[in-house]
Protein backbone atom coordinates (compact mmCIF):
# COMPACT_ATOMS: atom_id res chain seq x y z
CA MET A 1 49.39 173.43 27.56
CA SER A 2 45.27 174.52 26.71
CA GLY A 3 42.74 172.13 27.72
CA GLU A 4 44.95 169.90 30.44
CA PRO A 5 43.15 170.77 33.90
CA VAL A 6 44.84 172.78 36.60
CA ALA A 7 44.92 170.60 39.54
CA ASP A 8 43.38 173.62 42.27
CA ALA A 9 40.30 173.58 38.99
CA PRO A 10 37.71 175.00 40.44
CA ILE A 11 35.02 172.41 38.95
CA THR A 12 34.03 168.81 39.67
CA LEU A 13 33.01 166.60 36.96
CA LEU A 14 30.89 163.57 38.63
CA ASP A 15 30.46 161.06 35.46
CA PHE A 16 28.14 158.71 37.15
CA ARG A 17 28.42 156.01 34.05
CA ALA A 18 28.45 151.80 34.41
CA ASP A 19 30.34 149.90 32.03
CA TRP A 20 27.19 148.47 30.76
CA CYS A 21 25.40 151.84 29.92
CA GLY A 22 25.53 151.92 26.05
CA ALA A 23 24.09 155.13 26.92
CA CYS A 24 27.20 156.33 29.06
CA ARG A 25 29.80 154.70 27.27
CA MET A 26 28.36 157.67 23.88
CA ALA A 27 28.48 160.53 25.91
CA ASP A 28 33.04 159.78 26.19
CA PRO A 29 33.62 161.43 23.89
CA ILE A 30 31.63 164.05 23.54
CA ILE A 31 32.69 164.61 27.38
CA GLU A 32 36.14 164.29 26.54
CA ARG A 33 35.54 166.79 24.23
CA VAL A 34 34.08 169.35 25.79
CA VAL A 35 36.11 169.22 28.58
CA ALA A 36 38.88 169.97 26.34
CA GLY A 37 38.10 173.15 26.05
CA HIS A 38 37.49 173.85 30.32
CA ARG A 39 41.08 174.08 32.00
CA ASP A 40 38.56 175.12 35.15
CA VAL A 41 36.84 171.31 35.16
CA ILE A 42 38.96 168.14 36.27
CA VAL A 43 36.91 164.57 35.11
CA ARG A 44 36.00 162.05 38.09
CA LYS A 45 34.19 158.93 35.84
CA VAL A 46 32.01 157.75 39.05
CA ASP A 47 31.77 153.86 37.66
CA VAL A 48 27.88 153.45 40.27
CA ALA A 49 29.06 149.74 40.56
CA THR A 50 31.73 149.61 42.32
CA ASP A 51 30.96 153.10 44.35
CA ALA A 52 27.77 152.57 45.25
CA ALA A 53 27.64 154.43 48.24
CA LEU A 54 29.27 158.09 46.11
CA ALA A 55 26.18 157.41 43.89
CA GLU A 56 23.50 157.05 47.03
CA SER A 57 24.64 160.31 48.51
CA HIS A 58 24.45 162.05 45.12
CA GLN A 59 20.82 160.76 44.81
CA VAL A 60 21.93 159.18 41.11
CA ARG A 61 19.13 157.40 39.21
CA THR A 62 19.37 158.27 36.47
CA LEU A 63 22.86 156.60 34.17
CA PRO A 64 24.47 158.97 32.91
CA THR A 65 24.71 161.79 35.64
CA LEU A 66 26.61 164.76 35.48
CA ILE A 67 26.87 166.65 38.22
CA LEU A 68 29.34 169.59 38.79
CA THR A 69 29.93 170.71 42.09
CA ALA A 70 33.09 172.51 43.95
CA THR A 71 35.79 172.92 45.33
CA ASP A 72 33.73 173.05 48.38
CA GLY A 73 31.78 169.33 47.43
CA ARG A 74 29.04 171.81 46.62
CA GLU A 75 26.76 170.74 43.64
CA LEU A 76 26.31 173.60 41.30
CA VAL A 77 24.33 172.00 38.38
CA ARG A 78 23.02 168.52 36.75
CA LEU A 79 22.40 166.93 33.62
CA SER A 80 20.75 163.74 33.43
CA GLY A 81 20.41 161.50 30.27
CA ALA A 82 21.73 162.20 26.82
CA MET A 83 24.04 164.33 26.81
CA THR A 84 25.14 166.77 23.81
CA GLY A 85 27.95 168.67 23.69
CA LYS A 86 26.13 171.94 23.63
CA ARG A 87 24.18 170.75 27.20
CA ILE A 88 27.77 170.69 28.97
CA ASP A 89 29.10 173.40 27.45
CA ALA A 90 26.22 175.48 29.09
CA ALA A 91 26.34 173.47 32.02
CA ILE A 92 29.44 174.56 32.70
CA VAL A 93 28.95 177.35 31.74
CA GLY A 94 26.09 177.52 34.54
CA ALA A 95 28.95 176.37 36.56
CA ARG A 96 30.77 179.03 37.14
CA GLN A 97 28.43 181.42 37.28
CA ALA A 98 27.22 179.36 39.90
CA LEU A 99 30.44 179.98 41.96
CA ALA A 100 30.63 183.97 40.76
């Protein structure tokens, strides 16, 4: 089915967020809509309150922060702050180019 992520997707989108973050809640439907059109991307939501170690290891200082990574964990693209569909889509395209 189109838009469903494949199990071995080459790009993981780490969505660093918090329940209290209004901008994170506003970004959720935008992220879902954009990623639905990219079968090669899977999303992993990371709550900074419960997974502070992962947020720290990625030096996340602003919410929301999206980090697109390769299967080896290498950071390809990072976005922070206000999210638009165009910014997220461009980040995914940039991540693909970084893998090429």
